[in-house]
């Protein structure tokens, strides 16, 4: 990331400071936003994605402890861990500087500042972010970056780093729309086979008659319309990775044929007597519950062991917390560029409505919902009413959610989500229905990061 593409937020209760920094940075960066009122910080970072935030450490206080700055630093990083924060204060205090850096600040500057020092600091942070981004992409697909920094996604990244460089067969589990194909591609990109073919097959869509011809290939004249030799997907993936999607939907007879190939590491094309050796790394994926796969009347246990040296479960979007905000910014920017629209900002209720939706269709549903919003919105501010959720995806019922956990916090969170969804995000009506005050509901919304 270079300076001219950066988006910066400056927060200070001194108008002169805001003016000076805006005049300094405006010719150098893409966007500079200034904010005088610290109570507006949350709405600012939810409405727009910032690369760097320059944050004063004291607001309208008689005691210059820096506690306000530390408080808002933590709030900002909690909302978006990717944002870099530069702390600024007029009161030199080494202990305060060390404390700020320990809490996650990227730099600490003193007032009055030197212009070249601020620009140098911003440049260094942006270069560091670019370097981290490049390293991070090593666990992402070349085609589409895997986005998200939630704890559950970091667990996935850890597994990817460990098993990616190996030749172990991997079973990727997860609901529809979670991005299992991206995980498969990332595994290939991390392996020693990354410069060899990556072949994807939706085996769940193959009929019994097409299963063998597609996977194993055929010779000319093997059947009607076989007018020339054709390689099967196993042979096409030789030396590389074969990704079998929807593996849980194939029949028992198909499973038996697949097991034979995996055991012998040879394929015999239809119409041929000659077997062809294959060298592949196998990755499979399914949205079927592992307990169903364990039922031998539906899936062979010996095949499960063959395809499942290690399993990776891709979490549903509803369990990914702040990733929804990061994904929203990504997709909105993507579709704004695709449809030649000006950059969008988010109304304060826009992200809240996204977070209150269960997203049974996961990231795929989020993507389509945001694409529609970008297409249909006339202005440059996306509002809650611009979000229209598809009736195709069936919402997860409150009952099914509650049966997952009897933890009191989970039950309270789900009750709040249900009532907010019912009242279309109206806090007053929701608080009344829940039997608590607006202030109490706001505290719970903050507690559960809703």
Protein backbone atom coordinates (compact mmCIF):
# COMPACT_ATOMS: atom_id res chain seq x y z
CA UNK A 1 0.00 0.00 0.00
CA UNK A 2 1.38 3.40 -0.96
CA UNK A 3 0.74 6.77 0.65
CA UNK A 4 -1.48 8.09 -2.14
CA UNK A 5 -3.95 5.21 -1.68
CA UNK A 6 -4.23 5.55 2.11
CA UNK A 7 -7.37 6.49 4.01
CA UNK A 8 -6.70 8.29 7.30
CA UNK A 9 -8.89 9.34 10.23
CA UNK A 10 -7.64 12.08 12.59
CA UNK A 11 -9.33 12.34 16.01
CA UNK A 12 -8.60 15.34 18.25
CA UNK A 13 -10.72 17.78 20.25
CA UNK A 14 -8.54 20.69 19.06
CA UNK A 15 -9.89 22.14 15.79
CA UNK A 16 -6.51 23.73 15.01
CA UNK A 17 -4.84 20.32 15.18
CA UNK A 18 -7.46 18.81 12.88
CA UNK A 19 -7.08 21.64 10.38
CA UNK A 20 -3.28 21.45 10.39
CA UNK A 21 -3.20 17.69 9.83
CA UNK A 22 -5.89 17.83 7.16
CA UNK A 23 -3.92 20.49 5.22
CA UNK A 24 -0.71 18.46 5.64
CA UNK A 25 -2.09 15.09 4.56
CA UNK A 26 -4.78 15.96 2.01
CA UNK A 27 -2.34 16.42 -0.93
CA UNK A 28 -0.52 13.18 -0.03
CA UNK A 29 -3.21 10.59 0.67
CA UNK A 30 -6.45 9.38 -0.89
CA UNK A 31 -8.80 10.46 1.93
CA UNK A 32 -8.47 12.40 5.19
CA UNK A 33 -11.41 12.42 7.64
CA UNK A 34 -11.29 14.54 10.80
CA UNK A 35 -13.36 14.01 13.95
CA UNK A 36 -13.57 16.37 16.96
CA UNK A 37 -15.98 14.36 19.14
CA UNK A 38 -14.62 11.13 20.60
CA UNK A 39 -18.15 9.75 21.03
CA UNK A 40 -18.40 9.56 17.23
CA UNK A 41 -15.39 7.27 16.86
CA UNK A 42 -17.44 4.07 16.73
CA UNK A 43 -19.77 5.36 14.02
CA UNK A 44 -16.80 6.66 12.01
CA UNK A 45 -14.95 3.33 11.95
CA UNK A 46 -18.15 1.43 11.16
CA UNK A 47 -19.10 3.73 8.29
CA UNK A 48 -15.69 3.62 6.59
CA UNK A 49 -12.55 1.52 6.53
CA UNK A 50 -9.38 3.39 7.58
CA UNK A 51 -5.79 2.31 7.02
CA UNK A 52 -4.46 4.57 9.78
CA UNK A 53 -6.08 6.46 12.66
CA UNK A 54 -4.22 9.33 14.33
CA UNK A 55 -5.68 9.48 17.85
CA UNK A 56 -5.26 12.12 20.54
CA UNK A 57 -4.88 10.65 24.03
CA UNK A 58 -6.84 13.26 25.99
CA UNK A 59 -10.30 14.69 25.31
CA UNK A 60 -11.70 17.61 27.27
CA UNK A 61 -10.14 16.33 30.45
CA UNK A 62 -8.50 18.26 33.25
CA UNK A 63 -6.29 15.29 34.11
CA UNK A 64 -4.00 14.31 31.24
CA UNK A 65 -3.57 10.64 32.04
CA UNK A 66 -3.98 9.34 28.51
CA UNK A 67 -6.60 6.86 29.72
CA UNK A 68 -9.13 8.08 27.17
CA UNK A 69 -6.68 7.42 24.37
CA UNK A 70 -5.95 3.91 25.65
CA UNK A 71 -9.69 3.24 25.98
CA UNK A 72 -10.40 4.29 22.38
CA UNK A 73 -7.31 2.50 21.11
CA UNK A 74 -8.69 -0.77 22.51
CA UNK A 75 -12.17 -0.06 21.09
CA UNK A 76 -10.76 0.63 17.62
CA UNK A 77 -8.60 -2.50 17.57
CA UNK A 78 -11.49 -4.56 18.92
CA UNK A 79 -13.67 -3.38 16.04
CA UNK A 80 -10.98 -3.72 13.37
CA UNK A 81 -7.65 -5.35 14.31
CA UNK A 82 -6.24 -4.45 10.88
CA UNK A 83 -6.37 -0.69 11.55
CA UNK A 84 -3.07 0.97 12.53
CA UNK A 85 -3.31 3.60 15.28
CA UNK A 86 -0.84 6.43 15.88
CA UNK A 87 -1.23 7.90 19.37
CA UNK A 88 -0.54 11.59 19.87
CA UNK A 89 -0.21 13.69 23.03
CA UNK A 90 1.21 17.03 24.15
CA UNK A 91 2.47 15.54 27.40
CA UNK A 92 5.78 13.69 27.20
CA UNK A 93 5.54 10.50 29.19
CA UNK A 94 7.71 7.49 28.35
CA UNK A 95 5.61 5.14 30.47
CA UNK A 96 2.47 6.26 28.63
CA UNK A 97 4.17 5.73 25.27
CA UNK A 98 5.26 2.21 26.25
CA UNK A 99 1.79 1.42 27.57
CA UNK A 100 0.19 2.59 24.30
CA UNK A 101 2.54 0.49 22.18
CA UNK A 102 1.94 -2.56 24.37
CA UNK A 103 -1.80 -2.10 23.92
CA UNK A 104 -1.37 -2.31 20.15
CA UNK A 105 -0.59 1.21 18.90
CA UNK A 106 1.66 1.37 15.83
CA UNK A 107 3.48 4.56 16.86
CA UNK A 108 3.52 7.33 19.47
CA UNK A 109 4.11 11.00 18.52
CA UNK A 110 4.48 14.18 20.53
CA UNK A 111 2.86 17.58 20.00
CA UNK A 112 4.02 19.88 18.57
CA UNK A 113 4.95 17.50 15.81
CA UNK A 114 7.35 17.74 12.92
CA UNK A 115 5.57 17.28 9.61
CA UNK A 116 8.30 15.06 8.18
CA UNK A 117 8.10 12.83 11.29
CA UNK A 118 4.36 12.23 10.83
CA UNK A 119 4.76 11.47 7.12
CA UNK A 120 7.71 9.17 7.88
CA UNK A 121 5.66 7.33 10.51
CA UNK A 122 2.67 6.89 8.18
CA UNK A 123 4.92 5.66 5.36
CA UNK A 124 6.62 3.13 7.63
CA UNK A 125 3.28 1.78 8.88
CA UNK A 126 1.91 1.44 5.35
CA UNK A 127 5.05 -0.38 4.17
CA UNK A 128 4.80 -2.73 7.15
CA UNK A 129 1.12 -3.40 6.40
CA UNK A 130 1.99 -4.17 2.79
CA UNK A 131 4.66 -6.63 3.90
CA UNK A 132 2.30 -8.36 6.35
CA UNK A 133 -0.39 -8.47 3.68
CA UNK A 134 2.01 -10.19 1.27
CA UNK A 135 2.92 -12.78 3.91
CA UNK A 136 -0.72 -13.29 4.77
CA UNK A 137 -1.63 -13.91 1.14
CA UNK A 138 0.65 -16.95 1.22
CA UNK A 139 -2.17 -18.73 3.02
CA UNK A 140 -4.75 -17.39 0.63
CA UNK A 141 -5.88 -18.32 -2.83
CA UNK A 142 -4.20 -16.51 -5.75
CA UNK A 143 -7.63 -15.91 -7.27
CA UNK A 144 -9.60 -14.66 -4.28
CA UNK A 145 -8.19 -13.61 -0.94
CA UNK A 146 -9.57 -15.26 2.17
CA UNK A 147 -10.70 -12.38 4.36
CA UNK A 148 -11.12 -12.42 8.13
CA UNK A 149 -9.15 -12.14 11.36
CA UNK A 150 -11.56 -13.66 13.87
CA UNK A 151 -10.27 -16.29 16.27
CA UNK A 152 -12.08 -19.09 14.43
CA UNK A 153 -10.52 -18.07 11.11
CA UNK A 154 -7.07 -17.72 12.68
CA UNK A 155 -7.46 -21.35 13.80
CA UNK A 156 -8.13 -22.28 10.17
CA UNK A 157 -5.04 -20.34 9.02
CA UNK A 158 -2.92 -22.17 11.59
CA UNK A 159 -4.06 -25.53 10.22
CA UNK A 160 -3.46 -24.39 6.65
CA UNK A 161 0.13 -23.42 7.44
CA UNK A 162 0.77 -26.79 9.07
CA UNK A 163 -0.82 -29.13 6.53
CA UNK A 164 -0.50 -27.04 3.36
CA UNK A 165 3.14 -27.95 2.59
CA UNK A 166 2.46 -31.68 3.12
CA UNK A 167 0.94 -34.24 0.73
CA UNK A 168 -1.66 -35.31 3.28
CA UNK A 169 -5.20 -35.90 2.00
CA UNK A 170 -7.53 -33.24 3.43
CA UNK A 171 -11.27 -33.26 4.07
CA UNK A 172 -12.75 -29.73 4.17
CA UNK A 173 -16.00 -29.51 6.13
CA UNK A 174 -18.47 -26.65 6.35
CA UNK A 175 -21.89 -25.33 5.43
CA UNK A 176 -22.78 -24.18 1.93
CA UNK A 177 -21.29 -20.79 1.08
CA UNK A 178 -18.51 -20.79 3.68
CA UNK A 179 -15.71 -20.88 1.09
CA UNK A 180 -14.52 -24.48 1.13
CA UNK A 181 -13.22 -24.14 -2.42
CA UNK A 182 -11.01 -21.21 -1.34
CA UNK A 183 -9.54 -23.34 1.43
CA UNK A 184 -8.81 -26.11 -1.10
CA UNK A 185 -7.08 -23.64 -3.40
CA UNK A 186 -5.07 -22.21 -0.50
CA UNK A 187 -3.88 -25.71 0.41
CA UNK A 188 -2.68 -26.19 -3.16
CA UNK A 189 -0.93 -22.80 -3.20
CA UNK A 190 0.91 -23.68 0.01
CA UNK A 191 2.08 -27.07 -1.26
CA UNK A 192 5.12 -28.09 -3.28
CA UNK A 193 2.65 -28.78 -6.09
CA UNK A 194 1.61 -25.14 -6.44
CA UNK A 195 3.04 -24.84 -9.97
CA UNK A 196 1.29 -28.01 -11.10
CA UNK A 197 -2.41 -28.37 -12.05
CA UNK A 198 -5.25 -27.70 -9.63
CA UNK A 199 -8.28 -29.61 -10.91
CA UNK A 200 -11.72 -29.19 -9.35
CA UNK A 201 -14.59 -31.64 -9.87
CA UNK A 202 -18.10 -31.35 -8.44
CA UNK A 203 -18.53 -35.09 -8.02
CA UNK A 204 -21.93 -34.65 -6.39
CA UNK A 205 -23.28 -33.45 -9.75
CA UNK A 206 -21.96 -36.43 -11.74
CA UNK A 207 -24.39 -39.16 -12.74
CA UNK A 208 -23.38 -42.81 -12.46
CA UNK A 209 -22.68 -42.92 -16.22
CA UNK A 210 -20.54 -39.77 -16.21
CA UNK A 211 -18.63 -40.53 -13.01
CA UNK A 212 -16.05 -42.89 -14.53
CA UNK A 213 -15.64 -41.10 -17.88
CA UNK A 214 -15.10 -37.72 -16.17
CA UNK A 215 -12.71 -38.96 -13.49
CA UNK A 216 -10.85 -41.72 -15.31
CA UNK A 217 -11.12 -40.66 -18.95
CA UNK A 218 -11.90 -42.78 -22.02
CA UNK A 219 -10.48 -44.01 -25.31
CA UNK A 220 -11.90 -43.25 -28.72
CA UNK A 221 -14.83 -45.56 -29.48
CA UNK A 222 -15.34 -46.58 -25.83
CA UNK A 223 -19.00 -45.56 -26.13
CA UNK A 224 -21.31 -43.62 -28.44
CA UNK A 225 -19.99 -40.08 -29.05
CA UNK A 226 -16.49 -40.98 -27.80
CA UNK A 227 -14.91 -39.59 -30.97
CA UNK A 228 -11.44 -39.06 -29.51
CA UNK A 229 -9.32 -39.98 -26.52
CA UNK A 230 -9.93 -37.86 -23.46
CA UNK A 231 -7.95 -37.59 -20.24
CA UNK A 232 -9.84 -38.04 -17.00
CA UNK A 233 -9.56 -35.56 -14.14
CA UNK A 234 -7.19 -37.84 -12.22
CA UNK A 235 -4.76 -37.91 -15.13
CA UNK A 236 -5.17 -34.17 -15.77
CA UNK A 237 -4.23 -33.48 -12.13
CA UNK A 238 -1.08 -35.64 -12.31
CA UNK A 239 1.67 -34.00 -10.28
CA UNK A 240 -0.78 -31.50 -8.81
CA UNK A 241 -3.94 -31.39 -6.70
CA UNK A 242 -7.34 -32.96 -7.34
CA UNK A 243 -10.22 -31.29 -5.50
CA UNK A 244 -13.39 -33.40 -5.24
CA UNK A 245 -16.22 -31.14 -4.11
CA UNK A 246 -19.47 -32.48 -2.57
CA UNK A 247 -17.82 -35.86 -1.92
CA UNK A 248 -20.55 -36.71 0.59
CA UNK A 249 -23.16 -36.94 -2.19
CA UNK A 250 -21.68 -39.79 -4.23
CA UNK A 251 -23.25 -43.25 -4.20
CA UNK A 252 -21.81 -46.35 -2.51
CA UNK A 253 -20.84 -47.83 -5.89
CA UNK A 254 -19.00 -44.63 -6.81
CA UNK A 255 -17.31 -44.69 -3.42
CA UNK A 256 -16.07 -48.25 -4.07
CA UNK A 257 -14.63 -47.26 -7.47
CA UNK A 258 -12.93 -44.20 -5.99
CA UNK A 259 -11.46 -46.21 -3.12
CA UNK A 260 -9.88 -48.67 -5.58
CA UNK A 261 -8.18 -45.85 -7.47
CA UNK A 262 -6.85 -44.25 -4.27
CA UNK A 263 -5.48 -47.57 -3.04
CA UNK A 264 -3.79 -48.57 -6.30
CA UNK A 265 -2.81 -45.09 -7.49
CA UNK A 266 -3.63 -46.16 -11.06
CA UNK A 267 -6.55 -45.33 -13.35
CA UNK A 268 -7.79 -47.28 -16.33
CA UNK A 269 -9.65 -45.18 -18.91
CA UNK A 270 -12.91 -46.57 -20.30
CA UNK A 271 -12.24 -48.69 -23.39
CA UNK A 272 -8.62 -49.38 -22.41
CA UNK A 273 -6.79 -52.28 -20.79
CA UNK A 274 -3.78 -50.21 -19.83
CA UNK A 275 -3.59 -48.59 -16.40
CA UNK A 276 -2.02 -45.17 -15.96
CA UNK A 277 -0.08 -44.30 -12.79
CA UNK A 278 -1.24 -41.13 -11.04
CA UNK A 279 0.51 -38.83 -8.60
CA UNK A 280 -1.98 -36.47 -6.98
CA UNK A 281 -2.67 -34.73 -3.72
CA UNK A 282 -6.35 -35.28 -2.89
CA UNK A 283 -8.57 -32.67 -1.25
CA UNK A 284 -12.26 -33.38 -0.69
CA UNK A 285 -15.07 -31.19 0.60
CA UNK A 286 -18.61 -31.69 1.84
CA UNK A 287 -21.35 -29.80 3.64
CA UNK A 288 -22.62 -33.02 5.20
CA UNK A 289 -22.38 -33.43 8.96
CA UNK A 290 -19.44 -35.70 9.94
CA UNK A 291 -21.87 -37.81 12.00
CA UNK A 292 -23.74 -38.62 8.78
CA UNK A 293 -20.49 -39.55 7.05
CA UNK A 294 -19.77 -41.93 9.93
CA UNK A 295 -22.92 -43.92 9.02
CA UNK A 296 -21.59 -46.87 6.97
CA UNK A 297 -24.97 -47.31 5.28
CA UNK A 298 -24.31 -43.95 3.58
CA UNK A 299 -20.54 -43.66 3.40
CA UNK A 300 -17.77 -46.24 3.45
CA UNK A 301 -15.60 -45.99 6.54
CA UNK A 302 -12.49 -47.20 4.67
CA UNK A 303 -12.92 -44.37 2.15
CA UNK A 304 -13.31 -41.81 4.96
CA UNK A 305 -9.93 -42.86 6.33
CA UNK A 306 -8.39 -42.52 2.86
CA UNK A 307 -9.62 -38.99 2.22
CA UNK A 308 -9.41 -37.66 5.77
CA UNK A 309 -5.83 -37.66 7.02
CA UNK A 310 -6.62 -34.19 8.37
CA UNK A 311 -9.95 -32.36 8.40
CA UNK A 312 -10.44 -28.59 8.31
CA UNK A 313 -13.79 -27.13 9.34
CA UNK A 314 -14.65 -23.76 7.79
CA UNK A 315 -16.78 -21.82 10.32
CA UNK A 316 -20.17 -20.36 9.35
CA UNK A 317 -20.34 -16.60 8.95
CA UNK A 318 -22.56 -16.18 12.04
CA UNK A 319 -19.64 -17.43 14.19
CA UNK A 320 -17.05 -15.08 12.69
CA UNK A 321 -17.83 -11.89 14.63
CA UNK A 322 -16.09 -8.79 13.27
CA UNK A 323 -15.21 -10.57 10.02
CA UNK A 324 -18.64 -9.50 8.76
CA UNK A 325 -17.55 -5.83 8.86
CA UNK A 326 -14.29 -6.57 7.06
CA UNK A 327 -16.05 -8.66 4.42
CA UNK A 328 -18.70 -5.97 3.95
CA UNK A 329 -16.08 -3.31 3.23
CA UNK A 330 -14.32 -5.67 0.82
CA UNK A 331 -17.40 -6.65 -1.20
CA UNK A 332 -18.86 -3.14 -1.32
CA UNK A 333 -15.55 -1.74 -2.63
CA UNK A 334 -15.35 -4.61 -5.13
CA UNK A 335 -18.83 -4.04 -6.55
CA UNK A 336 -18.54 -0.25 -6.48
CA UNK A 337 -15.57 -0.62 -8.81
CA UNK A 338 -17.27 -3.29 -10.93
CA UNK A 339 -20.36 -1.14 -11.53
CA UNK A 340 -18.44 2.16 -11.85
CA UNK A 341 -19.93 3.72 -8.73
CA UNK A 342 -18.38 6.17 -6.26
CA UNK A 343 -16.93 4.75 -3.03
CA UNK A 344 -19.59 4.02 -0.40
CA UNK A 345 -19.76 4.73 3.30
CA UNK A 346 -22.02 2.91 5.77
CA UNK A 347 -24.84 4.38 7.84
CA UNK A 348 -24.51 3.50 11.53
CA UNK A 349 -27.36 0.99 11.32
CA UNK A 350 -26.06 -0.76 8.19
CA UNK A 351 -23.41 -2.90 9.91
CA UNK A 352 -25.74 -3.54 12.87
CA UNK A 353 -28.36 -5.01 10.53
CA UNK A 354 -25.73 -7.20 8.88
CA UNK A 355 -24.54 -8.47 12.27
CA UNK A 356 -28.10 -9.19 13.37
CA UNK A 357 -28.74 -11.49 10.40
CA UNK A 358 -27.98 -15.21 10.75
CA UNK A 359 -26.69 -15.60 7.17
CA UNK A 360 -27.74 -19.21 6.56
CA UNK A 361 -26.15 -18.78 3.11
CA UNK A 362 -22.90 -17.63 4.75
CA UNK A 363 -20.32 -15.57 2.82
CA UNK A 364 -21.99 -16.35 -0.51
CA UNK A 365 -25.27 -14.86 0.75
CA UNK A 366 -23.47 -11.81 2.16
CA UNK A 367 -21.76 -11.29 -1.18
CA UNK A 368 -25.01 -11.34 -3.16
CA UNK A 369 -26.83 -9.14 -0.63
CA UNK A 370 -24.10 -6.48 -0.86
CA UNK A 371 -23.91 -6.67 -4.64
CA UNK A 372 -27.63 -5.98 -4.82
CA UNK A 373 -27.30 -3.08 -2.37
CA UNK A 374 -24.54 -1.48 -4.46
CA UNK A 375 -26.55 -1.86 -7.66
CA UNK A 376 -29.83 -0.56 -6.28
CA UNK A 377 -28.57 2.32 -4.08
CA UNK A 378 -28.68 5.77 -5.69
CA UNK A 379 -26.49 7.66 -3.20
CA UNK A 380 -23.08 6.91 -1.71
CA UNK A 381 -24.27 6.01 1.81
CA UNK A 382 -25.54 2.49 2.38
CA UNK A 383 -28.41 2.34 4.88
CA UNK A 384 -30.19 -0.52 6.66
CA UNK A 385 -33.09 -0.34 4.20
CA UNK A 386 -30.68 -1.07 1.34
CA UNK A 387 -30.17 -4.57 2.75
CA UNK A 388 -32.71 -7.03 1.39
CA UNK A 389 -32.09 -10.59 2.51
CA UNK A 390 -32.95 -13.42 0.15
CA UNK A 391 -36.03 -15.54 0.80
CA UNK A 392 -34.19 -18.42 -0.88
CA UNK A 393 -32.07 -18.96 2.22
CA UNK A 394 -34.08 -20.22 5.16
CA UNK A 395 -33.21 -18.39 8.35
CA UNK A 396 -32.00 -20.46 11.25
CA UNK A 397 -34.82 -20.66 13.77
CA UNK A 398 -34.36 -19.50 17.31
CA UNK A 399 -35.05 -23.02 18.52
CA UNK A 400 -32.28 -24.56 16.43
CA UNK A 401 -29.82 -21.93 17.64
CA UNK A 402 -30.72 -22.34 21.27
CA UNK A 403 -30.30 -26.10 21.17
CA UNK A 404 -26.63 -25.58 20.26
CA UNK A 405 -25.85 -24.15 23.67
CA UNK A 406 -27.47 -23.74 27.05
CA UNK A 407 -24.89 -21.17 28.11
CA UNK A 408 -26.73 -18.18 29.58
CA UNK A 409 -24.70 -15.65 27.58
CA UNK A 410 -25.51 -17.53 24.36
CA UNK A 411 -29.21 -17.66 25.22
CA UNK A 412 -29.29 -13.92 26.01
CA UNK A 413 -27.37 -13.02 22.84
CA UNK A 414 -29.69 -15.12 20.66
CA UNK A 415 -32.78 -13.58 22.30
CA UNK A 416 -31.44 -10.08 21.56
CA UNK A 417 -30.63 -11.00 17.95
CA UNK A 418 -34.10 -12.46 17.42
CA UNK A 419 -35.93 -9.43 18.82
CA UNK A 420 -33.74 -6.93 16.94
CA UNK A 421 -34.34 -8.80 13.70
CA UNK A 422 -38.07 -8.87 14.39
CA UNK A 423 -38.12 -5.11 15.04
CA UNK A 424 -35.80 -4.32 12.10
CA UNK A 425 -33.07 -2.96 14.38
CA UNK A 426 -35.33 -0.59 16.35
CA UNK A 427 -33.58 -0.43 19.74
CA UNK A 428 -36.46 1.22 21.64
CA UNK A 429 -39.04 -1.36 20.56
CA UNK A 430 -36.60 -4.21 21.12
CA UNK A 431 -35.70 -3.03 24.65
CA UNK A 432 -39.40 -2.75 25.52
CA UNK A 433 -40.12 -6.24 24.22
CA UNK A 434 -37.13 -7.66 26.12
CA UNK A 435 -38.28 -5.93 29.29
CA UNK A 436 -35.12 -3.86 29.79
CA UNK A 437 -34.17 -0.21 29.37
CA UNK A 438 -32.55 1.20 26.23
CA UNK A 439 -29.34 1.79 28.18
CA UNK A 440 -29.32 -1.83 29.37
CA UNK A 441 -29.81 -3.06 25.80
CA UNK A 442 -26.99 -0.85 24.54
CA UNK A 443 -24.69 -2.32 27.22
CA UNK A 444 -25.56 -5.83 26.06
CA UNK A 445 -25.06 -4.88 22.40
CA UNK A 446 -21.59 -3.67 23.30
CA UNK A 447 -20.91 -6.76 25.44
CA UNK A 448 -21.75 -9.16 22.60
CA UNK A 449 -20.25 -6.89 19.89
CA UNK A 450 -23.57 -6.70 18.06
